[in-house]
C-alpha atoms as a PDB file:
ATOM      1  CA  MET A   1      -0.055   0.160  -0.032  1.00  0.00           C
ATOM      2  CA  GLY A   2       1.067   3.516  -0.783  1.00  0.00           C
ATOM      3  CA  ARG A   3       0.927   6.629   1.026  1.00  0.00           C
ATOM      4  CA  LEU A   4      -1.955   8.743   1.386  1.00  0.00           C
ATOM      5  CA  GLY A   5      -2.139  11.864  -1.027  1.00  0.00           C
ATOM      6  CA  LEU A   6      -4.259  14.785  -0.894  1.00  0.00           C
ATOM      7  CA  PRO A   7      -7.110  13.169  -3.077  1.00  0.00           C
ATOM      8  CA  GLU A   8      -7.237  10.275  -0.836  1.00  0.00           C
ATOM      9  CA  ILE A   9      -7.556  12.142   2.361  1.00  0.00           C
ATOM     10  CA  LEU A  10     -10.356  14.588   0.688  1.00  0.00           C
ATOM     11  CA  VAL A  11     -12.191  11.633  -0.110  1.00  0.00           C
ATOM     12  CA  ILE A  12     -11.991  10.175   3.421  1.00  0.00           C
ATOM     13  CA  ILE A  13     -13.267  13.516   4.825  1.00  0.00           C
ATOM     14  CA  ALA A  14     -15.989  13.578   2.235  1.00  0.00           C
ATOM     15  CA  VAL A  15     -17.180  10.089   3.177  1.00  0.00           C
ATOM     16  CA  VAL A  16     -17.144  10.696   6.889  1.00  0.00           C
ATOM     17  CA  LEU A  17     -18.975  13.839   6.446  1.00  0.00           C
ATOM     18  CA  LEU A  18     -21.727  12.166   4.561  1.00  0.00           C
ATOM     19  CA  LEU A  19     -22.048   9.182   7.082  1.00  0.00           C
ATOM     20  CA  PHE A  20     -22.102  11.380  10.469  1.00  0.00           C
ATOM     21  CA  GLY A  21     -23.174  14.948   9.220  1.00  0.00           C
ATOM     22  CA  GLY A  22     -21.659  18.156  10.511  1.00  0.00           C
ATOM     23  CA  LYS A  23     -22.974  18.175  13.952  1.00  0.00           C
ATOM     24  CA  LYS A  24     -22.148  14.684  14.896  1.00  0.00           C
ATOM     25  CA  ILE A  25     -18.244  15.059  13.923  1.00  0.00           C
ATOM     26  CA  PRO A  26     -17.406  17.069  17.043  1.00  0.00           C
ATOM     27  CA  GLU A  27     -19.017  14.940  19.456  1.00  0.00           C
ATOM     28  CA  LEU A  28     -17.045  11.872  17.717  1.00  0.00           C
ATOM     29  CA  MET A  29     -13.738  13.703  18.271  1.00  0.00           C
ATOM     30  CA  LYS A  30     -14.535  14.593  21.746  1.00  0.00           C
ATOM     31  CA  GLY A  31     -15.021  11.059  22.553  1.00  0.00           C
ATOM     32  CA  LEU A  32     -12.034   9.995  20.479  1.00  0.00           C
ATOM     33  CA  GLY A  33      -9.824  12.551  22.495  1.00  0.00           C
ATOM     34  CA  SER A  34     -11.033  11.279  25.805  1.00  0.00           C
ATOM     35  CA  GLY A  35     -10.395   7.792  24.783  1.00  0.00           C
ATOM     36  CA  ILE A  36      -6.833   8.560  23.899  1.00  0.00           C
ATOM     37  CA  LYS A  37      -6.406  10.606  27.272  1.00  0.00           C
ATOM     38  CA  GLU A  38      -7.888   7.531  29.100  1.00  0.00           C
ATOM     39  CA  PHE A  39      -5.379   5.239  27.292  1.00  0.00           C
ATOM     40  CA  LYS A  40      -2.246   7.067  28.068  1.00  0.00           C
ATOM     41  CA  ASN A  41      -3.178   7.578  31.685  1.00  0.00           C
ATOM     42  CA  ALA A  42      -3.815   3.630  31.912  1.00  0.00           C
ATOM     43  CA  ALA A  43      -0.435   3.094  30.073  1.00  0.00           C
ATOM     44  CA  LYS A  44       1.501   5.806  32.313  1.00  0.00           C
ATOM     45  CA  ASP A  45      -0.047   3.797  35.600  1.00  0.00           C
ATOM     46  CA  ASP A  46       1.175   0.478  34.165  1.00  0.00           C
ATOM     47  CA  GLN A  47       4.647   1.916  33.875  1.00  0.00           C
ATOM     48  CA  GLN A  48       5.039   2.902  37.576  1.00  0.00           C
ATOM     49  CA  PRO A  49       6.944   0.586  40.124  1.00  0.00           C
ATOM     50  CA  ALA A  50       4.670  -1.452  42.012  1.00  0.00           C
ATOM     51  CA  ASP A  51       5.547   0.096  45.166  1.00  0.00           C
ATOM     52  CA  LYS A  52       4.503   3.363  44.212  1.00  0.00           C
ATOM     53  CA  LYS A  53       1.165   1.869  43.149  1.00  0.00           C
ATOM     54  CA  GLU A  54       0.776   0.396  46.654  1.00  0.00           C
ATOM     55  CA  GLU A  55       1.605   3.712  48.344  1.00  0.00           C
ATOM     56  CA  GLU A  56      -1.033   5.404  46.154  1.00  0.00           C
ATOM     57  CA  GLU A  57      -3.639   2.843  46.913  1.00  0.00           C
ATOM     58  CA  THR A  58      -3.142   3.232  50.713  1.00  0.00           C
ATOM     59  CA  LYS A  59      -3.784   6.890  50.682  1.00  0.00           C
END
């Protein structure tokens, strides 16, 4: 598969607009952003050493 060029990106944007409409897209992006934020926080929490996790749980 090749790289996405400008025409391909425009077609994808047009299809998304047709499927979801202009009013629904901001809600979808907000949900996507909060999902990514939660994922990053969970990944960061998993990387903490076990003793720090135990200290936070006892608080």
